[in-house]
Structure formats: C-alpha cells, structure tokens
Amino acid sequence: MTNHIQILDMLEEDKDLVRQLLIESYRQYEPDFQNQEVWSEYLGNIAESVDNPDVDRILVAKNGQDILGSLQLFDSSEKAYDRPELNIFSPIVRLLAVHPKARGRGIAKKLLKESIRYAQSKGAANLYLHSSDKMQKAIQLYEWLGFKRDISKDFHNHDILVKCFRFDIKTKVTIYEPI
C-alpha cells in the first residue's frame, strides 16, 4: 500500500464507507462510558452524522479508493452542536476519525491542515474543535498543530466536559501611529 494520501470532499457514494469508518474509529472509546445508554446514543449520533444537513463540508482522506480518515466542518456552534449560546461563528471541526489500521501515517494532521486552509479561505479568524479528556492523543495533536484551549466555549454533554480548542488563523496587528 502506497502512502499517497489525498484530502477530498466526500462523495455521495462514500457515505456508507465514511459511516463505517466513524464507527470503527470511535468504538475504542466505548469502555470509557460508564452509562451504556449514553454510549449507544453517542455512537448512533456519530453514525447518523454523515446525513446531517447542517454539515458544511465532509473531508475524506483517500489512498486510491480506500477511505482512511474523515472529518466534518460546520459554520457555527448552532449548526455543529445546536448550541447558539457558544457564539461561535467560525468553522468548527467535528468527528475527526482515522481508521485504526491507518493511524500513525499523518492522516489526521493532513485533514486538520486542510480544515485550516478552508477556514482561511472563508476569511475566518479562527477554527474551532471540541474534545474531551477521553481523547488525549487527539488533544496532543491539536496542541502540536497550534490549537489553544478556549475555556469560554466549553460545555457539558451529560457528565462529560467537552473542551474547546481554537486555532487562530489571523493575528491582529496593531499599528501605532506617531502622535
């Protein structure tokens, strides 16, 4: 298997493969859920996510015809989480997934870098994502790429603290004029 990974928009015919990839990727977190009902709801929401009409864009990482990873982009916190009170009006990454057999090949990094480029092309000042302490390896990657914690955009989902991470695309430059 070559390591030529392309980041593309998901095609309609890719939906079932992406759905299966999401389930296989997130299944590793099942033991972390003490409440089986909460886990079932979480996995069901993940499986249905590829059909969400509020998603702005779904990216896939392909090697030939094989889909090795995906992520979803939303325009706002209202569309991403049905949480307008978060007041996020910049792109938000959700459900970053890499197939367990394809991990360690830089796929998540490529998907996130394309997300940053996309947010930049939309003129956004920031790109957001949310994660929990259950996903320590993912958080390490986010921080390595330059995402910073933004506790003002955290929220709770059941008993889980969902932590916000923000990537600042544009830095504000203040120009001081002589008086």
C-alpha atoms as a PDB file:
ATOM      1  CA  MET A   1       0.000   0.000   0.000  1.00  0.00           C
ATOM      2  CA  THR A   2       1.480   3.344  -1.023  1.00  0.00           C
ATOM      3  CA  ASN A   3       1.329   6.328   1.276  1.00  0.00           C
ATOM      4  CA  HIS A   4      -0.162   8.816  -1.216  1.00  0.00           C
ATOM      5  CA  ILE A   5      -2.973  10.384   0.784  1.00  0.00           C
ATOM      6  CA  GLN A   6      -5.384  12.792  -0.898  1.00  0.00           C
ATOM      7  CA  ILE A   7      -7.766  15.029   1.035  1.00  0.00           C
ATOM      8  CA  LEU A   8     -11.021  15.360  -0.884  1.00  0.00           C
ATOM      9  CA  ASP A   9     -14.653  16.218  -0.345  1.00  0.00           C
ATOM     10  CA  MET A  10     -16.793  13.209   0.491  1.00  0.00           C
ATOM     11  CA  LEU A  11     -18.830  11.961  -2.443  1.00  0.00           C
ATOM     12  CA  GLU A  12     -22.388  10.698  -2.028  1.00  0.00           C
ATOM     13  CA  GLU A  13     -21.214   7.169  -2.818  1.00  0.00           C
ATOM     14  CA  ASP A  14     -18.654   7.411   0.033  1.00  0.00           C
ATOM     15  CA  LYS A  15     -21.280   7.904   2.759  1.00  0.00           C
ATOM     16  CA  ASP A  16     -21.612   4.292   3.893  1.00  0.00           C
ATOM     17  CA  LEU A  17     -17.837   3.798   3.969  1.00  0.00           C
ATOM     18  CA  VAL A  18     -17.389   7.004   5.977  1.00  0.00           C
ATOM     19  CA  ARG A  19     -20.173   5.938   8.359  1.00  0.00           C
ATOM     20  CA  GLN A  20     -18.408   2.599   8.932  1.00  0.00           C
ATOM     21  CA  LEU A  21     -15.042   4.347   9.350  1.00  0.00           C
ATOM     22  CA  LEU A  22     -16.536   6.616  12.037  1.00  0.00           C
ATOM     23  CA  ILE A  23     -17.998   3.673  13.947  1.00  0.00           C
ATOM     24  CA  GLU A  24     -14.749   1.677  13.777  1.00  0.00           C
ATOM     25  CA  SER A  25     -12.685   4.695  14.767  1.00  0.00           C
ATOM     26  CA  TYR A  26     -14.797   5.772  17.746  1.00  0.00           C
ATOM     27  CA  ARG A  27     -15.525   2.271  19.061  1.00  0.00           C
ATOM     28  CA  GLN A  28     -12.270   2.456  21.054  1.00  0.00           C
ATOM     29  CA  TYR A  29     -13.971   4.860  23.485  1.00  0.00           C
ATOM     30  CA  GLU A  30     -16.794   2.509  24.475  1.00  0.00           C
ATOM     31  CA  PRO A  31     -15.029   1.252  27.648  1.00  0.00           C
ATOM     32  CA  ASP A  32     -14.727   4.868  28.837  1.00  0.00           C
ATOM     33  CA  PHE A  33     -18.507   5.258  29.010  1.00  0.00           C
ATOM     34  CA  GLN A  34     -19.989   4.120  32.296  1.00  0.00           C
ATOM     35  CA  ASN A  35     -23.545   4.531  31.046  1.00  0.00           C
ATOM     36  CA  GLN A  36     -24.345   2.149  28.146  1.00  0.00           C
ATOM     37  CA  GLU A  37     -27.344   4.242  27.137  1.00  0.00           C
ATOM     38  CA  VAL A  38     -25.163   7.346  26.745  1.00  0.00           C
ATOM     39  CA  TRP A  39     -22.657   5.302  24.698  1.00  0.00           C
ATOM     40  CA  SER A  40     -25.395   3.967  22.399  1.00  0.00           C
ATOM     41  CA  GLU A  41     -26.758   7.477  21.857  1.00  0.00           C
ATOM     42  CA  TYR A  42     -23.237   8.788  21.142  1.00  0.00           C
ATOM     43  CA  LEU A  43     -22.465   6.037  18.602  1.00  0.00           C
ATOM     44  CA  GLY A  44     -25.869   6.462  16.963  1.00  0.00           C
ATOM     45  CA  ASN A  45     -25.285  10.209  16.565  1.00  0.00           C
ATOM     46  CA  ILE A  46     -21.883   9.515  15.053  1.00  0.00           C
ATOM     47  CA  ALA A  47     -23.345   7.020  12.572  1.00  0.00           C
ATOM     48  CA  GLU A  48     -26.086   9.473  11.533  1.00  0.00           C
ATOM     49  CA  SER A  49     -23.696  12.425  11.229  1.00  0.00           C
ATOM     50  CA  VAL A  50     -22.879  11.844   7.553  1.00  0.00           C
ATOM     51  CA  ASP A  51     -26.532  12.592   6.761  1.00  0.00           C
ATOM     52  CA  ASN A  52     -26.641  15.838   8.770  1.00  0.00           C
ATOM     53  CA  PRO A  53     -27.988  18.638   6.534  1.00  0.00           C
ATOM     54  CA  ASP A  54     -26.205  21.241   8.701  1.00  0.00           C
ATOM     55  CA  VAL A  55     -22.711  19.985   7.847  1.00  0.00           C
ATOM     56  CA  ASP A  56     -20.849  22.440   5.640  1.00  0.00           C
ATOM     57  CA  ARG A  57     -18.269  20.019   4.306  1.00  0.00           C
ATOM     58  CA  ILE A  58     -17.078  16.464   4.957  1.00  0.00           C
ATOM     59  CA  LEU A  59     -13.458  15.786   4.105  1.00  0.00           C
ATOM     60  CA  VAL A  60     -12.084  12.325   3.452  1.00  0.00           C
ATOM     61  CA  ALA A  61      -8.511  11.095   3.338  1.00  0.00           C
ATOM     62  CA  LYS A  62      -8.125   8.635   0.492  1.00  0.00           C
ATOM     63  CA  ASN A  63      -5.344   6.338  -0.596  1.00  0.00           C
ATOM     64  CA  GLY A  64      -6.552   5.241  -4.019  1.00  0.00           C
ATOM     65  CA  GLN A  65     -10.143   4.145  -3.392  1.00  0.00           C
ATOM     66  CA  ASP A  66      -9.593   3.415   0.307  1.00  0.00           C
ATOM     67  CA  ILE A  67     -11.029   5.929   2.763  1.00  0.00           C
ATOM     68  CA  LEU A  68      -8.641   6.112   5.701  1.00  0.00           C
ATOM     69  CA  GLY A  69      -9.981   9.143   7.553  1.00  0.00           C
ATOM     70  CA  SER A  70     -12.602  11.860   7.635  1.00  0.00           C
ATOM     71  CA  LEU A  71     -13.759  14.962   9.439  1.00  0.00           C
ATOM     72  CA  GLN A  72     -16.751  17.255   9.304  1.00  0.00           C
ATOM     73  CA  LEU A  73     -16.826  21.049   9.130  1.00  0.00           C
ATOM     74  CA  PHE A  74     -19.654  23.268  10.344  1.00  0.00           C
ATOM     75  CA  ASP A  75     -20.200  27.029  10.015  1.00  0.00           C
ATOM     76  CA  SER A  76     -21.252  27.736  13.598  1.00  0.00           C
ATOM     77  CA  SER A  77     -21.843  26.298  17.056  1.00  0.00           C
ATOM     78  CA  GLU A  78     -25.560  26.322  16.355  1.00  0.00           C
ATOM     79  CA  LYS A  79     -25.133  24.068  13.318  1.00  0.00           C
ATOM     80  CA  ALA A  80     -22.406  21.904  14.861  1.00  0.00           C
ATOM     81  CA  TYR A  81     -23.927  21.322  18.294  1.00  0.00           C
ATOM     82  CA  ASP A  82     -27.312  23.068  18.355  1.00  0.00           C
ATOM     83  CA  ARG A  83     -25.671  25.421  20.857  1.00  0.00           C
ATOM     84  CA  PRO A  84     -26.055  29.005  19.641  1.00  0.00           C
ATOM     85  CA  GLU A  85     -25.143  30.239  23.126  1.00  0.00           C
ATOM     86  CA  LEU A  86     -21.484  29.323  22.425  1.00  0.00           C
ATOM     87  CA  ASN A  87     -21.427  32.215  19.925  1.00  0.00           C
ATOM     88  CA  ILE A  88     -19.039  30.520  17.525  1.00  0.00           C
ATOM     89  CA  PHE A  89     -19.451  31.871  14.009  1.00  0.00           C
ATOM     90  CA  SER A  90     -16.266  30.408  12.560  1.00  0.00           C
ATOM     91  CA  PRO A  91     -15.722  26.926  11.124  1.00  0.00           C
ATOM     92  CA  ILE A  92     -15.837  24.057  13.600  1.00  0.00           C
ATOM     93  CA  VAL A  93     -14.237  20.642  13.116  1.00  0.00           C
ATOM     94  CA  ARG A  94     -16.244  17.658  14.323  1.00  0.00           C
ATOM     95  CA  LEU A  95     -15.773  13.926  14.292  1.00  0.00           C
ATOM     96  CA  LEU A  96     -12.174  13.645  13.161  1.00  0.00           C
ATOM     97  CA  ALA A  97     -11.660   9.937  12.529  1.00  0.00           C
ATOM     98  CA  VAL A  98      -8.806   7.802  11.261  1.00  0.00           C
ATOM     99  CA  HIS A  99      -9.250   4.091  10.719  1.00  0.00           C
ATOM    100  CA  PRO A 100      -7.412   2.166  13.469  1.00  0.00           C
ATOM    101  CA  LYS A 101      -5.268   0.339  10.887  1.00  0.00           C
ATOM    102  CA  ALA A 102      -4.216   3.631   9.239  1.00  0.00           C
ATOM    103  CA  ARG A 103      -3.102   5.529  12.338  1.00  0.00           C
ATOM    104  CA  GLY A 104       0.397   6.940  12.635  1.00  0.00           C
ATOM    105  CA  ARG A 105       0.584   7.987   8.983  1.00  0.00           C
ATOM    106  CA  GLY A 106      -0.182  11.687   9.399  1.00  0.00           C
ATOM    107  CA  ILE A 107      -3.759  11.414   8.144  1.00  0.00           C
ATOM    108  CA  ALA A 108      -5.355  13.406  10.982  1.00  0.00           C
ATOM    109  CA  LYS A 109      -2.728  16.122  10.560  1.00  0.00           C
ATOM    110  CA  LYS A 110      -3.469  16.375   6.829  1.00  0.00           C
ATOM    111  CA  LEU A 111      -7.218  16.574   7.451  1.00  0.00           C
ATOM    112  CA  LEU A 112      -6.744  19.296  10.064  1.00  0.00           C
ATOM    113  CA  LYS A 113      -4.356  21.286   7.872  1.00  0.00           C
ATOM    114  CA  GLU A 114      -6.916  21.227   5.054  1.00  0.00           C
ATOM    115  CA  SER A 115      -9.525  22.414   7.557  1.00  0.00           C
ATOM    116  CA  ILE A 116      -7.279  25.338   8.487  1.00  0.00           C
ATOM    117  CA  ARG A 117      -6.822  26.213   4.812  1.00  0.00           C
ATOM    118  CA  TYR A 118     -10.569  26.002   4.302  1.00  0.00           C
ATOM    119  CA  ALA A 119     -11.322  28.276   7.266  1.00  0.00           C
ATOM    120  CA  GLN A 120      -8.704  30.716   5.988  1.00  0.00           C
ATOM    121  CA  SER A 121     -10.277  30.686   2.501  1.00  0.00           C
ATOM    122  CA  LYS A 122     -13.612  31.608   4.119  1.00  0.00           C
ATOM    123  CA  GLY A 123     -11.959  34.619   5.769  1.00  0.00           C
ATOM    124  CA  ALA A 124     -12.372  33.155   9.258  1.00  0.00           C
ATOM    125  CA  ALA A 125     -10.138  34.361  12.059  1.00  0.00           C
ATOM    126  CA  ASN A 126     -10.379  31.034  13.914  1.00  0.00           C
ATOM    127  CA  LEU A 127     -11.033  27.339  13.521  1.00  0.00           C
ATOM    128  CA  TYR A 128     -12.600  25.557  16.488  1.00  0.00           C
ATOM    129  CA  LEU A 129     -12.962  21.993  17.655  1.00  0.00           C
ATOM    130  CA  HIS A 130     -14.124  20.312  20.823  1.00  0.00           C
ATOM    131  CA  SER A 131     -12.794  17.227  22.545  1.00  0.00           C
ATOM    132  CA  SER A 132     -12.821  15.511  25.916  1.00  0.00           C
ATOM    133  CA  ASP A 133     -10.191  14.111  28.219  1.00  0.00           C
ATOM    134  CA  LYS A 134     -11.032  10.660  26.837  1.00  0.00           C
ATOM    135  CA  MET A 135      -9.192  11.665  23.650  1.00  0.00           C
ATOM    136  CA  GLN A 136      -5.699  12.504  24.950  1.00  0.00           C
ATOM    137  CA  LYS A 137      -3.795  11.518  21.794  1.00  0.00           C
ATOM    138  CA  ALA A 138      -6.054  13.720  19.699  1.00  0.00           C
ATOM    139  CA  ILE A 139      -5.611  16.630  22.109  1.00  0.00           C
ATOM    140  CA  GLN A 140      -1.830  16.247  21.873  1.00  0.00           C
ATOM    141  CA  LEU A 141      -2.086  16.516  18.083  1.00  0.00           C
ATOM    142  CA  TYR A 142      -4.323  19.591  18.283  1.00  0.00           C
ATOM    143  CA  GLU A 143      -1.907  21.330  20.612  1.00  0.00           C
ATOM    144  CA  TRP A 144       1.092  20.317  18.491  1.00  0.00           C
ATOM    145  CA  LEU A 145      -0.607  21.919  15.469  1.00  0.00           C
ATOM    146  CA  GLY A 146      -1.151  25.148  17.412  1.00  0.00           C
ATOM    147  CA  PHE A 147      -4.687  24.837  18.769  1.00  0.00           C
ATOM    148  CA  LYS A 148      -5.091  26.567  22.138  1.00  0.00           C
ATOM    149  CA  ARG A 149      -7.656  25.939  24.880  1.00  0.00           C
ATOM    150  CA  ASP A 150     -10.612  28.309  24.910  1.00  0.00           C
ATOM    151  CA  ILE A 151     -12.465  27.568  28.133  1.00  0.00           C
ATOM    152  CA  SER A 152     -15.078  30.217  27.300  1.00  0.00           C
ATOM    153  CA  LYS A 153     -16.506  27.822  24.680  1.00  0.00           C
ATOM    154  CA  ASP A 154     -16.523  24.632  26.804  1.00  0.00           C
ATOM    155  CA  PHE A 155     -19.796  22.836  27.510  1.00  0.00           C
ATOM    156  CA  HIS A 156     -21.108  19.716  29.219  1.00  0.00           C
ATOM    157  CA  ASN A 157     -22.686  16.782  27.411  1.00  0.00           C
ATOM    158  CA  HIS A 158     -24.237  14.502  30.016  1.00  0.00           C
ATOM    159  CA  ASP A 159     -21.448  14.200  32.615  1.00  0.00           C
ATOM    160  CA  ILE A 160     -18.619  14.878  30.139  1.00  0.00           C
ATOM    161  CA  LEU A 161     -16.786  18.199  29.981  1.00  0.00           C
ATOM    162  CA  VAL A 162     -16.418  18.997  26.280  1.00  0.00           C
ATOM    163  CA  LYS A 163     -13.328  21.181  25.963  1.00  0.00           C
ATOM    164  CA  CYS A 164     -12.906  23.800  23.265  1.00  0.00           C
ATOM    165  CA  PHE A 165      -9.719  24.269  21.266  1.00  0.00           C
ATOM    166  CA  ARG A 166      -9.186  27.240  18.951  1.00  0.00           C
ATOM    167  CA  PHE A 167      -6.703  27.718  16.130  1.00  0.00           C
ATOM    168  CA  ASP A 168      -6.044  31.402  15.489  1.00  0.00           C
ATOM    169  CA  ILE A 169      -5.731  31.877  11.748  1.00  0.00           C
ATOM    170  CA  LYS A 170      -5.173  35.598  11.625  1.00  0.00           C
ATOM    171  CA  THR A 171      -3.220  37.502  14.169  1.00  0.00           C
ATOM    172  CA  LYS A 172      -4.360  41.005  14.836  1.00  0.00           C
ATOM    173  CA  VAL A 173      -1.666  43.546  14.139  1.00  0.00           C
ATOM    174  CA  THR A 174      -1.897  46.870  15.884  1.00  0.00           C
ATOM    175  CA  ILE A 175      -0.207  49.688  14.043  1.00  0.00           C
ATOM    176  CA  TYR A 176       0.892  52.522  16.295  1.00  0.00           C
ATOM    177  CA  GLU A 177       0.848  55.903  14.640  1.00  0.00           C
ATOM    178  CA  PRO A 178       3.093  58.682  15.949  1.00  0.00           C
ATOM    179  CA  ILE A 179       1.156  61.250  17.970  1.00  0.00           C
END
